[in-house]
Amino acid sequence: MRKLKEKPNHFNDITIPRITTSRKVIYFDESGEEKMPNIELAYDSPDRYFIYTAVTFNNYDVENLENYYFNLKRKYLGGICEIHSTEFFRRPTQNRILFTKALAEFMDTLPFLYITVIVDKKVLFDSSSSTKIKKPMETTFKKALGIHTEKGFLHKDFYDKSIREILRMTSNHSMRDISDYYPLNLAYKTILEMYFQKLLPQYFKPVFKNWDHMSAKTELKFETSPNKERILKLTENFRSEDSDLGKMLKNNMFDISFPFKKALYMGLEIADIISYGYNLQKYKRLTQTPMYRPIRKVLLRRNKVVKKEMGIDCVIEKKKRG
């Protein structure tokens, strides 16, 4: 039987999801390219960071509060339209400015927690070792062509080379010993570990005396993207591991889905808005995007309170492997 302590609904002046065992939902969104670069990046490269954000709610809170979010869009934007942060905040209009202020006030009252992982691909690339392709016969045609042109040969000359020449060139090619989609793998796994192994125990501990035996069925939602199969494969790999994370996923993961956003998923858009803000921070463009300031203020305060009350930093920077 569950033994309850006092049940807090908020920390100071921020609201968090009500601490029950009702179903949770995590919305994921990204900012930046999820692949590793093929060459060394410049310090100020626009491809340097991959930023992944997860926003978690109690499922019933989303159902109860989404209509208010849609009404804000109807009032200020003329209808339930999609918000893509990269475009939205760069083109301020009077209605967009008013909507953003109202959205910041709304987000300040929403019961949610968030985790943002920032992967520095330049540091990962620069610190990785080099290796040669061990199975040149399994190299794709596109990759072999890329190796050919990278060495300074003309694109058209590739088609005149023999298979033996192509295999020799491919097997002698040096590349960084790090998988193409490592930033996505690293960020996704970091979020799952943070949520299931650190956040949930801290979340339940103040409320349930037997918190270490609690579970919370959690649904994972991603916007439909070309990474669908990759995310499914990563999730299954993590679940299959003989590790604490693998056990937590087996016991707590309720479902995984890839809905078409079409402006109907408040959680996906909030995750997108949060990721975009940390993108602005890392590329030092916050001062160039003044419309974002009200939301930035809300997020900084929320992170500060969560760090103080739960000992958890909502923002994690990854600059090395593992």
C-alpha atoms as a PDB file:
ATOM      1  CA  MET A   1       0.000   0.000   0.000  1.00  0.00           C
ATOM      2  CA  ARG A   2       1.269   3.465  -0.853  1.00  0.00           C
ATOM      3  CA  LYS A   3       2.092   5.590   2.178  1.00  0.00           C
ATOM      4  CA  LEU A   4       1.582   9.266   1.471  1.00  0.00           C
ATOM      5  CA  LYS A   5       3.442  12.201   2.913  1.00  0.00           C
ATOM      6  CA  GLU A   6       2.408  15.790   2.368  1.00  0.00           C
ATOM      7  CA  LYS A   7       1.618  16.294  -1.331  1.00  0.00           C
ATOM      8  CA  PRO A   8       3.182  19.494  -2.737  1.00  0.00           C
ATOM      9  CA  ASN A   9       1.813  20.890  -6.006  1.00  0.00           C
ATOM     10  CA  HIS A  10       4.481  23.504  -6.598  1.00  0.00           C
ATOM     11  CA  PHE A  11       7.932  24.710  -5.583  1.00  0.00           C
ATOM     12  CA  ASN A  12       7.856  28.335  -4.463  1.00  0.00           C
ATOM     13  CA  ASP A  13       6.090  30.027  -7.373  1.00  0.00           C
ATOM     14  CA  ILE A  14       6.384  27.455 -10.155  1.00  0.00           C
ATOM     15  CA  THR A  15       3.913  24.661 -10.759  1.00  0.00           C
ATOM     16  CA  ILE A  16       5.127  21.132 -11.425  1.00  0.00           C
ATOM     17  CA  PRO A  17       3.091  18.086 -12.509  1.00  0.00           C
ATOM     18  CA  ARG A  18       0.960  16.804  -9.647  1.00  0.00           C
ATOM     19  CA  ILE A  19       2.885  14.010  -7.933  1.00  0.00           C
ATOM     20  CA  THR A  20       0.747  10.958  -8.599  1.00  0.00           C
ATOM     21  CA  THR A  21       1.247   7.675 -10.398  1.00  0.00           C
ATOM     22  CA  SER A  22      -1.060   8.766 -13.230  1.00  0.00           C
ATOM     23  CA  ARG A  23       0.305   8.421 -16.747  1.00  0.00           C
ATOM     24  CA  LYS A  24       3.070  10.826 -17.750  1.00  0.00           C
ATOM     25  CA  VAL A  25       3.927  12.053 -21.232  1.00  0.00           C
ATOM     26  CA  ILE A  26       7.246  13.381 -22.527  1.00  0.00           C
ATOM     27  CA  TYR A  27       7.399  15.522 -25.662  1.00  0.00           C
ATOM     28  CA  PHE A  28      10.703  15.683 -27.551  1.00  0.00           C
ATOM     29  CA  ASP A  29      11.993  18.280 -29.974  1.00  0.00           C
ATOM     30  CA  GLU A  30      15.390  19.195 -31.374  1.00  0.00           C
ATOM     31  CA  SER A  31      17.313  22.174 -32.646  1.00  0.00           C
ATOM     32  CA  GLY A  32      20.284  21.732 -34.953  1.00  0.00           C
ATOM     33  CA  GLU A  33      21.645  18.863 -37.029  1.00  0.00           C
ATOM     34  CA  GLU A  34      21.650  15.524 -35.217  1.00  0.00           C
ATOM     35  CA  LYS A  35      24.568  14.096 -37.242  1.00  0.00           C
ATOM     36  CA  MET A  36      28.286  14.381 -36.631  1.00  0.00           C
ATOM     37  CA  PRO A  37      30.227  16.607 -39.055  1.00  0.00           C
ATOM     38  CA  ASN A  38      32.502  15.047 -41.684  1.00  0.00           C
ATOM     39  CA  ILE A  39      35.198  17.680 -41.232  1.00  0.00           C
ATOM     40  CA  GLU A  40      36.476  19.830 -38.391  1.00  0.00           C
ATOM     41  CA  LEU A  41      34.050  22.624 -37.531  1.00  0.00           C
ATOM     42  CA  ALA A  42      34.963  26.273 -37.123  1.00  0.00           C
ATOM     43  CA  TYR A  43      34.522  27.751 -33.655  1.00  0.00           C
ATOM     44  CA  ASP A  44      31.523  29.805 -34.825  1.00  0.00           C
ATOM     45  CA  SER A  45      30.053  27.169 -37.134  1.00  0.00           C
ATOM     46  CA  PRO A  46      26.230  27.246 -37.344  1.00  0.00           C
ATOM     47  CA  ASP A  47      26.350  23.439 -37.202  1.00  0.00           C
ATOM     48  CA  ARG A  48      28.265  23.232 -33.929  1.00  0.00           C
ATOM     49  CA  TYR A  49      25.480  22.364 -31.465  1.00  0.00           C
ATOM     50  CA  PHE A  50      22.747  19.764 -31.355  1.00  0.00           C
ATOM     51  CA  ILE A  51      20.106  20.632 -28.769  1.00  0.00           C
ATOM     52  CA  TYR A  52      17.453  18.166 -27.613  1.00  0.00           C
ATOM     53  CA  THR A  53      14.618  19.063 -25.247  1.00  0.00           C
ATOM     54  CA  ALA A  54      12.115  16.874 -23.403  1.00  0.00           C
ATOM     55  CA  VAL A  55       9.053  18.404 -21.743  1.00  0.00           C
ATOM     56  CA  THR A  56       7.132  16.231 -19.287  1.00  0.00           C
ATOM     57  CA  PHE A  57       3.510  16.575 -18.141  1.00  0.00           C
ATOM     58  CA  ASN A  58       0.870  14.482 -16.497  1.00  0.00           C
ATOM     59  CA  ASN A  59      -1.222  13.315 -19.427  1.00  0.00           C
ATOM     60  CA  TYR A  60      -4.485  14.678 -18.036  1.00  0.00           C
ATOM     61  CA  ASP A  61      -2.967  18.148 -17.603  1.00  0.00           C
ATOM     62  CA  VAL A  62      -2.208  18.329 -21.310  1.00  0.00           C
ATOM     63  CA  GLU A  63      -5.766  17.312 -22.152  1.00  0.00           C
ATOM     64  CA  ASN A  64      -7.178  19.923 -19.769  1.00  0.00           C
ATOM     65  CA  LEU A  65      -4.929  22.826 -20.786  1.00  0.00           C
ATOM     66  CA  GLU A  66      -4.469  22.478 -24.542  1.00  0.00           C
ATOM     67  CA  ASN A  67      -7.702  24.288 -25.354  1.00  0.00           C
ATOM     68  CA  TYR A  68      -6.474  27.414 -23.558  1.00  0.00           C
ATOM     69  CA  TYR A  69      -3.291  27.255 -25.644  1.00  0.00           C
ATOM     70  CA  PHE A  70      -5.346  26.960 -28.819  1.00  0.00           C
ATOM     71  CA  ASN A  71      -7.504  29.917 -27.747  1.00  0.00           C
ATOM     72  CA  LEU A  72      -4.367  32.059 -27.359  1.00  0.00           C
ATOM     73  CA  LYS A  73      -3.570  31.248 -30.968  1.00  0.00           C
ATOM     74  CA  ARG A  74      -7.093  32.084 -32.086  1.00  0.00           C
ATOM     75  CA  LYS A  75      -7.004  35.406 -30.244  1.00  0.00           C
ATOM     76  CA  TYR A  76      -3.586  36.649 -31.368  1.00  0.00           C
ATOM     77  CA  LEU A  77      -2.694  34.650 -34.487  1.00  0.00           C
ATOM     78  CA  GLY A  78      -6.092  34.282 -36.134  1.00  0.00           C
ATOM     79  CA  GLY A  79      -6.396  30.526 -35.791  1.00  0.00           C
ATOM     80  CA  ILE A  80      -4.760  27.283 -34.675  1.00  0.00           C
ATOM     81  CA  CYS A  81      -1.632  27.586 -36.779  1.00  0.00           C
ATOM     82  CA  GLU A  82       1.663  25.750 -36.382  1.00  0.00           C
ATOM     83  CA  ILE A  83       4.542  27.516 -34.661  1.00  0.00           C
ATOM     84  CA  HIS A  84       8.047  26.881 -35.945  1.00  0.00           C
ATOM     85  CA  SER A  85      10.303  28.826 -33.614  1.00  0.00           C
ATOM     86  CA  THR A  86      13.087  29.517 -36.134  1.00  0.00           C
ATOM     87  CA  GLU A  87      10.644  31.395 -38.343  1.00  0.00           C
ATOM     88  CA  PHE A  88       8.204  32.694 -35.721  1.00  0.00           C
ATOM     89  CA  PHE A  89      10.564  34.607 -33.414  1.00  0.00           C
ATOM     90  CA  ARG A  90      12.655  36.070 -36.232  1.00  0.00           C
ATOM     91  CA  ARG A  91       9.681  37.862 -37.798  1.00  0.00           C
ATOM     92  CA  PRO A  92       8.021  39.885 -35.051  1.00  0.00           C
ATOM     93  CA  THR A  93       4.645  41.490 -35.621  1.00  0.00           C
ATOM     94  CA  GLN A  94       2.441  43.228 -33.096  1.00  0.00           C
ATOM     95  CA  ASN A  95       0.189  40.177 -32.789  1.00  0.00           C
ATOM     96  CA  ARG A  96       3.143  37.826 -32.426  1.00  0.00           C
ATOM     97  CA  ILE A  97       4.656  39.998 -29.702  1.00  0.00           C
ATOM     98  CA  LEU A  98       1.345  40.023 -27.811  1.00  0.00           C
ATOM     99  CA  PHE A  99       0.980  36.266 -28.267  1.00  0.00           C
ATOM    100  CA  THR A 100       4.509  35.638 -26.952  1.00  0.00           C
ATOM    101  CA  LYS A 101       3.857  37.683 -23.810  1.00  0.00           C
ATOM    102  CA  ALA A 102       0.597  35.803 -23.199  1.00  0.00           C
ATOM    103  CA  LEU A 103       2.333  32.489 -23.920  1.00  0.00           C
ATOM    104  CA  ALA A 104       5.099  33.275 -21.403  1.00  0.00           C
ATOM    105  CA  GLU A 105       2.491  33.994 -18.716  1.00  0.00           C
ATOM    106  CA  PHE A 106       0.696  30.759 -19.606  1.00  0.00           C
ATOM    107  CA  MET A 107       3.926  28.706 -19.529  1.00  0.00           C
ATOM    108  CA  ASP A 108       4.751  30.203 -16.143  1.00  0.00           C
ATOM    109  CA  THR A 109       1.619  28.545 -14.729  1.00  0.00           C
ATOM    110  CA  LEU A 110       1.858  25.254 -16.634  1.00  0.00           C
ATOM    111  CA  PRO A 111       2.662  22.136 -14.562  1.00  0.00           C
ATOM    112  CA  PHE A 112       5.674  20.833 -16.482  1.00  0.00           C
ATOM    113  CA  LEU A 113       9.326  19.941 -16.064  1.00  0.00           C
ATOM    114  CA  TYR A 114      11.894  20.047 -18.842  1.00  0.00           C
ATOM    115  CA  ILE A 115      15.316  18.624 -19.651  1.00  0.00           C
ATOM    116  CA  THR A 116      17.538  20.152 -22.343  1.00  0.00           C
ATOM    117  CA  VAL A 117      20.741  18.468 -23.534  1.00  0.00           C
ATOM    118  CA  ILE A 118      23.271  20.530 -25.499  1.00  0.00           C
ATOM    119  CA  VAL A 119      25.809  18.492 -27.480  1.00  0.00           C
ATOM    120  CA  ASP A 120      28.965  20.303 -28.598  1.00  0.00           C
ATOM    121  CA  LYS A 121      29.798  18.492 -31.834  1.00  0.00           C
ATOM    122  CA  LYS A 122      32.999  20.438 -32.421  1.00  0.00           C
ATOM    123  CA  VAL A 123      34.540  19.288 -29.130  1.00  0.00           C
ATOM    124  CA  LEU A 124      33.341  15.708 -29.715  1.00  0.00           C
ATOM    125  CA  PHE A 125      34.820  15.685 -33.204  1.00  0.00           C
ATOM    126  CA  ASP A 126      38.130  17.302 -32.221  1.00  0.00           C
ATOM    127  CA  SER A 127      38.668  14.910 -29.309  1.00  0.00           C
ATOM    128  CA  SER A 128      37.815  11.724 -31.228  1.00  0.00           C
ATOM    129  CA  SER A 129      40.466   9.415 -32.623  1.00  0.00           C
ATOM    130  CA  SER A 130      40.849   8.440 -36.291  1.00  0.00           C
ATOM    131  CA  THR A 131      40.181   5.024 -37.781  1.00  0.00           C
ATOM    132  CA  LYS A 132      40.072   3.415 -41.208  1.00  0.00           C
ATOM    133  CA  ILE A 133      37.064   1.753 -42.801  1.00  0.00           C
ATOM    134  CA  LYS A 134      37.260  -1.902 -41.802  1.00  0.00           C
ATOM    135  CA  LYS A 135      34.699  -3.244 -44.293  1.00  0.00           C
ATOM    136  CA  PRO A 136      35.060  -1.269 -47.548  1.00  0.00           C
ATOM    137  CA  MET A 137      32.767  -3.704 -49.386  1.00  0.00           C
ATOM    138  CA  GLU A 138      29.899  -2.540 -47.142  1.00  0.00           C
ATOM    139  CA  THR A 139      30.488   1.149 -47.886  1.00  0.00           C
ATOM    140  CA  THR A 140      27.579   2.775 -49.717  1.00  0.00           C
ATOM    141  CA  PHE A 141      28.010   4.181 -53.226  1.00  0.00           C
ATOM    142  CA  LYS A 142      27.247   7.676 -51.921  1.00  0.00           C
ATOM    143  CA  LYS A 143      29.894   7.404 -49.181  1.00  0.00           C
ATOM    144  CA  ALA A 144      32.530   6.111 -51.604  1.00  0.00           C
ATOM    145  CA  LEU A 145      31.774   8.983 -53.970  1.00  0.00           C
ATOM    146  CA  GLY A 146      32.095  11.425 -51.073  1.00  0.00           C
ATOM    147  CA  ILE A 147      35.509   9.999 -50.156  1.00  0.00           C
ATOM    148  CA  HIS A 148      36.607  10.323 -53.797  1.00  0.00           C
ATOM    149  CA  THR A 149      35.640  14.011 -54.056  1.00  0.00           C
ATOM    150  CA  GLU A 150      36.980  14.773 -50.557  1.00  0.00           C
ATOM    151  CA  LYS A 151      40.414  13.707 -51.787  1.00  0.00           C
ATOM    152  CA  GLY A 152      40.242  16.343 -54.523  1.00  0.00           C
ATOM    153  CA  PHE A 153      39.254  14.183 -57.489  1.00  0.00           C
ATOM    154  CA  LEU A 154      36.597  15.312 -59.937  1.00  0.00           C
ATOM    155  CA  HIS A 155      33.090  13.955 -59.476  1.00  0.00           C
ATOM    156  CA  LYS A 156      32.905  12.639 -63.062  1.00  0.00           C
ATOM    157  CA  ASP A 157      36.197  10.727 -62.764  1.00  0.00           C
ATOM    158  CA  PHE A 158      34.736   8.478 -60.068  1.00  0.00           C
ATOM    159  CA  TYR A 159      32.664   6.573 -62.645  1.00  0.00           C
ATOM    160  CA  ASP A 160      35.750   5.654 -64.666  1.00  0.00           C
ATOM    161  CA  LYS A 161      37.545   3.971 -61.754  1.00  0.00           C
ATOM    162  CA  SER A 162      37.538   0.210 -61.313  1.00  0.00           C
ATOM    163  CA  ILE A 163      35.939  -1.449 -58.310  1.00  0.00           C
ATOM    164  CA  ARG A 164      39.400  -2.460 -57.101  1.00  0.00           C
ATOM    165  CA  GLU A 165      40.578   1.183 -57.193  1.00  0.00           C
ATOM    166  CA  ILE A 166      37.470   2.357 -55.331  1.00  0.00           C
ATOM    167  CA  LEU A 167      37.871  -0.317 -52.643  1.00  0.00           C
ATOM    168  CA  ARG A 168      41.556   0.519 -52.199  1.00  0.00           C
ATOM    169  CA  MET A 169      40.810   4.221 -51.850  1.00  0.00           C
ATOM    170  CA  THR A 170      37.940   3.510 -49.441  1.00  0.00           C
ATOM    171  CA  SER A 171      39.970   1.152 -47.231  1.00  0.00           C
ATOM    172  CA  ASN A 172      42.800   3.707 -46.970  1.00  0.00           C
ATOM    173  CA  HIS A 173      40.451   6.535 -46.005  1.00  0.00           C
ATOM    174  CA  SER A 174      40.794   7.803 -42.423  1.00  0.00           C
ATOM    175  CA  MET A 175      37.699   8.981 -40.574  1.00  0.00           C
ATOM    176  CA  ARG A 176      36.736   9.952 -37.072  1.00  0.00           C
ATOM    177  CA  ASP A 177      35.966   6.979 -34.829  1.00  0.00           C
ATOM    178  CA  ILE A 178      32.491   8.131 -33.899  1.00  0.00           C
ATOM    179  CA  SER A 179      29.119   7.148 -35.360  1.00  0.00           C
ATOM    180  CA  ASP A 180      27.226   9.528 -37.649  1.00  0.00           C
ATOM    181  CA  TYR A 181      24.218   9.911 -35.353  1.00  0.00           C
ATOM    182  CA  TYR A 182      26.134   9.958 -32.105  1.00  0.00           C
ATOM    183  CA  PRO A 183      24.785  13.426 -31.057  1.00  0.00           C
ATOM    184  CA  LEU A 184      21.209  12.113 -31.260  1.00  0.00           C
ATOM    185  CA  ASN A 185      22.151   8.889 -29.458  1.00  0.00           C
ATOM    186  CA  LEU A 186      23.990  10.772 -26.706  1.00  0.00           C
ATOM    187  CA  ALA A 187      21.306  13.426 -26.164  1.00  0.00           C
ATOM    188  CA  TYR A 188      18.390  10.968 -26.208  1.00  0.00           C
ATOM    189  CA  LYS A 189      20.031   8.546 -23.787  1.00  0.00           C
ATOM    190  CA  THR A 190      21.040  11.402 -21.460  1.00  0.00           C
ATOM    191  CA  ILE A 191      17.428  12.605 -21.298  1.00  0.00           C
ATOM    192  CA  LEU A 192      16.096   9.109 -20.567  1.00  0.00           C
ATOM    193  CA  GLU A 193      18.695   8.566 -17.832  1.00  0.00           C
ATOM    194  CA  MET A 194      17.964  11.946 -16.285  1.00  0.00           C
ATOM    195  CA  TYR A 195      14.194  11.431 -16.339  1.00  0.00           C
ATOM    196  CA  PHE A 196      13.945   7.796 -15.226  1.00  0.00           C
ATOM    197  CA  GLN A 197      16.962   7.529 -12.928  1.00  0.00           C
ATOM    198  CA  LYS A 198      17.216  10.990 -11.361  1.00  0.00           C
ATOM    199  CA  LEU A 199      14.085  13.062 -11.858  1.00  0.00           C
ATOM    200  CA  LEU A 200      11.479  10.410 -11.043  1.00  0.00           C
ATOM    201  CA  PRO A 201      13.118   9.361  -7.717  1.00  0.00           C
ATOM    202  CA  GLN A 202      13.434  13.016  -6.658  1.00  0.00           C
ATOM    203  CA  TYR A 203       9.872  13.616  -7.839  1.00  0.00           C
ATOM    204  CA  PHE A 204       8.316  10.793  -5.814  1.00  0.00           C
ATOM    205  CA  LYS A 205      10.517  11.031  -2.711  1.00  0.00           C
ATOM    206  CA  PRO A 206       8.745  13.992  -1.005  1.00  0.00           C
ATOM    207  CA  VAL A 207       5.336  12.356  -1.409  1.00  0.00           C
ATOM    208  CA  PHE A 208       5.577   8.592  -1.013  1.00  0.00           C
ATOM    209  CA  LYS A 209       7.387   6.852   1.835  1.00  0.00           C
ATOM    210  CA  ASN A 210       7.939   3.813  -0.363  1.00  0.00           C
ATOM    211  CA  TRP A 211       9.030   5.992  -3.311  1.00  0.00           C
ATOM    212  CA  ASP A 212      11.862   3.611  -4.267  1.00  0.00           C
ATOM    213  CA  HIS A 213       9.260   1.001  -5.295  1.00  0.00           C
ATOM    214  CA  MET A 214       7.145   3.418  -7.337  1.00  0.00           C
ATOM    215  CA  SER A 215       6.707   3.383 -11.100  1.00  0.00           C
ATOM    216  CA  ALA A 216       5.227   5.933 -13.478  1.00  0.00           C
ATOM    217  CA  LYS A 217       3.918   4.781 -16.834  1.00  0.00           C
ATOM    218  CA  THR A 218       5.325   7.250 -19.344  1.00  0.00           C
ATOM    219  CA  GLU A 219       4.515   7.825 -22.999  1.00  0.00           C
ATOM    220  CA  LEU A 220       7.182   9.249 -25.317  1.00  0.00           C
ATOM    221  CA  LYS A 221       6.014  11.548 -28.125  1.00  0.00           C
ATOM    222  CA  PHE A 222       8.175  12.739 -31.009  1.00  0.00           C
ATOM    223  CA  GLU A 223       7.168  14.856 -33.961  1.00  0.00           C
ATOM    224  CA  THR A 224       7.092  12.703 -37.079  1.00  0.00           C
ATOM    225  CA  SER A 225      10.496  12.981 -38.750  1.00  0.00           C
ATOM    226  CA  PRO A 226      12.997  11.007 -40.864  1.00  0.00           C
ATOM    227  CA  ASN A 227      14.542   9.869 -37.557  1.00  0.00           C
ATOM    228  CA  LYS A 228      11.519   7.765 -36.618  1.00  0.00           C
ATOM    229  CA  GLU A 229      13.124   4.401 -37.354  1.00  0.00           C
ATOM    230  CA  ARG A 230      16.400   5.494 -35.749  1.00  0.00           C
ATOM    231  CA  ILE A 231      14.648   6.585 -32.532  1.00  0.00           C
ATOM    232  CA  LEU A 232      12.669   3.354 -32.388  1.00  0.00           C
ATOM    233  CA  LYS A 233      15.873   1.349 -32.792  1.00  0.00           C
ATOM    234  CA  LEU A 234      17.702   3.390 -30.138  1.00  0.00           C
ATOM    235  CA  THR A 235      14.795   2.987 -27.720  1.00  0.00           C
ATOM    236  CA  GLU A 236      14.714  -0.765 -28.199  1.00  0.00           C
ATOM    237  CA  ASN A 237      18.495  -0.959 -27.751  1.00  0.00           C
ATOM    238  CA  PHE A 238      18.276   0.974 -24.474  1.00  0.00           C
ATOM    239  CA  ARG A 239      15.393  -1.233 -23.253  1.00  0.00           C
ATOM    240  CA  SER A 240      17.364  -4.381 -24.074  1.00  0.00           C
ATOM    241  CA  GLU A 241      20.409  -3.341 -22.067  1.00  0.00           C
ATOM    242  CA  ASP A 242      21.103  -5.169 -18.808  1.00  0.00           C
ATOM    243  CA  SER A 243      21.348  -1.853 -16.978  1.00  0.00           C
ATOM    244  CA  ASP A 244      19.386   0.341 -14.592  1.00  0.00           C
ATOM    245  CA  LEU A 245      18.079   2.357 -17.539  1.00  0.00           C
ATOM    246  CA  GLY A 246      17.012  -0.809 -19.363  1.00  0.00           C
ATOM    247  CA  LYS A 247      15.052  -1.982 -16.320  1.00  0.00           C
ATOM    248  CA  MET A 248      13.437   1.431 -15.839  1.00  0.00           C
ATOM    249  CA  LEU A 249      12.326   1.528 -19.473  1.00  0.00           C
ATOM    250  CA  LYS A 250      10.873  -1.983 -19.270  1.00  0.00           C
ATOM    251  CA  ASN A 251       8.932  -1.106 -16.113  1.00  0.00           C
ATOM    252  CA  ASN A 252       7.875   2.456 -16.911  1.00  0.00           C
ATOM    253  CA  MET A 253       7.641   3.085 -20.651  1.00  0.00           C
ATOM    254  CA  PHE A 254       3.975   3.000 -21.590  1.00  0.00           C
ATOM    255  CA  ASP A 255       4.145   3.808 -25.302  1.00  0.00           C
ATOM    256  CA  ILE A 256       6.075   5.648 -28.000  1.00  0.00           C
ATOM    257  CA  SER A 257       4.433   7.602 -30.819  1.00  0.00           C
ATOM    258  CA  PHE A 258       5.212   9.977 -33.685  1.00  0.00           C
ATOM    259  CA  PRO A 259       2.174  12.201 -34.237  1.00  0.00           C
ATOM    260  CA  PHE A 260       1.904  14.740 -37.039  1.00  0.00           C
ATOM    261  CA  LYS A 261       2.089  17.976 -35.071  1.00  0.00           C
ATOM    262  CA  LYS A 262      -0.181  20.143 -37.244  1.00  0.00           C
ATOM    263  CA  ALA A 263      -0.448  22.612 -34.334  1.00  0.00           C
ATOM    264  CA  LEU A 264      -2.454  20.104 -32.279  1.00  0.00           C
ATOM    265  CA  TYR A 265       0.242  19.154 -29.796  1.00  0.00           C
ATOM    266  CA  MET A 266       1.005  21.856 -27.260  1.00  0.00           C
ATOM    267  CA  GLY A 267       3.788  19.784 -25.691  1.00  0.00           C
ATOM    268  CA  LEU A 268       5.689  19.377 -28.971  1.00  0.00           C
ATOM    269  CA  GLU A 269       5.580  23.110 -29.651  1.00  0.00           C
ATOM    270  CA  ILE A 270       6.701  24.005 -26.129  1.00  0.00           C
ATOM    271  CA  ALA A 271       9.638  21.592 -26.484  1.00  0.00           C
ATOM    272  CA  ASP A 272      10.484  23.263 -29.805  1.00  0.00           C
ATOM    273  CA  ILE A 273      10.294  26.744 -28.239  1.00  0.00           C
ATOM    274  CA  ILE A 274      12.577  25.716 -25.351  1.00  0.00           C
ATOM    275  CA  SER A 275      15.158  24.114 -27.681  1.00  0.00           C
ATOM    276  CA  TYR A 276      15.157  27.225 -29.826  1.00  0.00           C
ATOM    277  CA  GLY A 277      15.908  29.420 -26.813  1.00  0.00           C
ATOM    278  CA  TYR A 278      18.995  27.427 -25.901  1.00  0.00           C
ATOM    279  CA  ASN A 279      20.022  27.540 -29.554  1.00  0.00           C
ATOM    280  CA  LEU A 280      19.876  31.342 -29.338  1.00  0.00           C
ATOM    281  CA  GLN A 281      21.953  31.232 -26.154  1.00  0.00           C
ATOM    282  CA  LYS A 282      24.717  29.013 -27.551  1.00  0.00           C
ATOM    283  CA  TYR A 283      25.031  31.030 -30.750  1.00  0.00           C
ATOM    284  CA  LYS A 284      24.844  34.330 -28.816  1.00  0.00           C
ATOM    285  CA  ARG A 285      21.730  35.554 -30.616  1.00  0.00           C
ATOM    286  CA  LEU A 286      19.467  36.250 -27.650  1.00  0.00           C
ATOM    287  CA  THR A 287      19.986  40.011 -27.906  1.00  0.00           C
ATOM    288  CA  GLN A 288      19.081  39.818 -31.598  1.00  0.00           C
ATOM    289  CA  THR A 289      15.761  38.135 -30.790  1.00  0.00           C
ATOM    290  CA  PRO A 290      14.079  40.407 -28.223  1.00  0.00           C
ATOM    291  CA  MET A 291      10.656  38.837 -28.758  1.00  0.00           C
ATOM    292  CA  TYR A 292      11.903  35.676 -27.017  1.00  0.00           C
ATOM    293  CA  ARG A 293      12.847  37.454 -23.753  1.00  0.00           C
ATOM    294  CA  PRO A 294       9.592  36.822 -21.796  1.00  0.00           C
ATOM    295  CA  ILE A 295       9.870  33.069 -22.408  1.00  0.00           C
ATOM    296  CA  ARG A 296      13.575  33.046 -21.586  1.00  0.00           C
ATOM    297  CA  LYS A 297      12.829  34.663 -18.226  1.00  0.00           C
ATOM    298  CA  VAL A 298      10.224  32.003 -17.400  1.00  0.00           C
ATOM    299  CA  LEU A 299      12.574  29.127 -18.264  1.00  0.00           C
ATOM    300  CA  LEU A 300      15.549  30.493 -16.326  1.00  0.00           C
ATOM    301  CA  ARG A 301      13.439  30.937 -13.222  1.00  0.00           C
ATOM    302  CA  ARG A 302      11.926  27.474 -13.547  1.00  0.00           C
ATOM    303  CA  ASN A 303      15.366  25.902 -13.865  1.00  0.00           C
ATOM    304  CA  LYS A 304      16.632  27.863 -10.867  1.00  0.00           C
ATOM    305  CA  VAL A 305      13.772  26.680  -8.651  1.00  0.00           C
ATOM    306  CA  VAL A 306      14.004  23.033  -9.791  1.00  0.00           C
ATOM    307  CA  LYS A 307      17.755  23.067  -9.138  1.00  0.00           C
ATOM    308  CA  LYS A 308      17.195  24.427  -5.636  1.00  0.00           C
ATOM    309  CA  GLU A 309      14.273  22.172  -4.678  1.00  0.00           C
ATOM    310  CA  MET A 310      15.228  18.927  -6.448  1.00  0.00           C
ATOM    311  CA  GLY A 311      18.975  19.294  -6.937  1.00  0.00           C
ATOM    312  CA  ILE A 312      18.525  18.772 -10.677  1.00  0.00           C
ATOM    313  CA  ASP A 313      19.817  21.072 -13.417  1.00  0.00           C
ATOM    314  CA  CYS A 314      17.368  21.121 -16.321  1.00  0.00           C
ATOM    315  CA  VAL A 315      20.180  21.944 -18.759  1.00  0.00           C
ATOM    316  CA  ILE A 316      22.984  19.432 -19.431  1.00  0.00           C
ATOM    317  CA  GLU A 317      25.958  20.200 -21.667  1.00  0.00           C
ATOM    318  CA  LYS A 318      27.743  17.230 -23.242  1.00  0.00           C
ATOM    319  CA  LYS A 319      31.263  17.836 -24.515  1.00  0.00           C
ATOM    320  CA  LYS A 320      32.688  14.342 -24.341  1.00  0.00           C
ATOM    321  CA  ARG A 321      31.692  10.803 -25.133  1.00  0.00           C
ATOM    322  CA  GLY A 322      29.822   8.718 -22.614  1.00  0.00           C
END
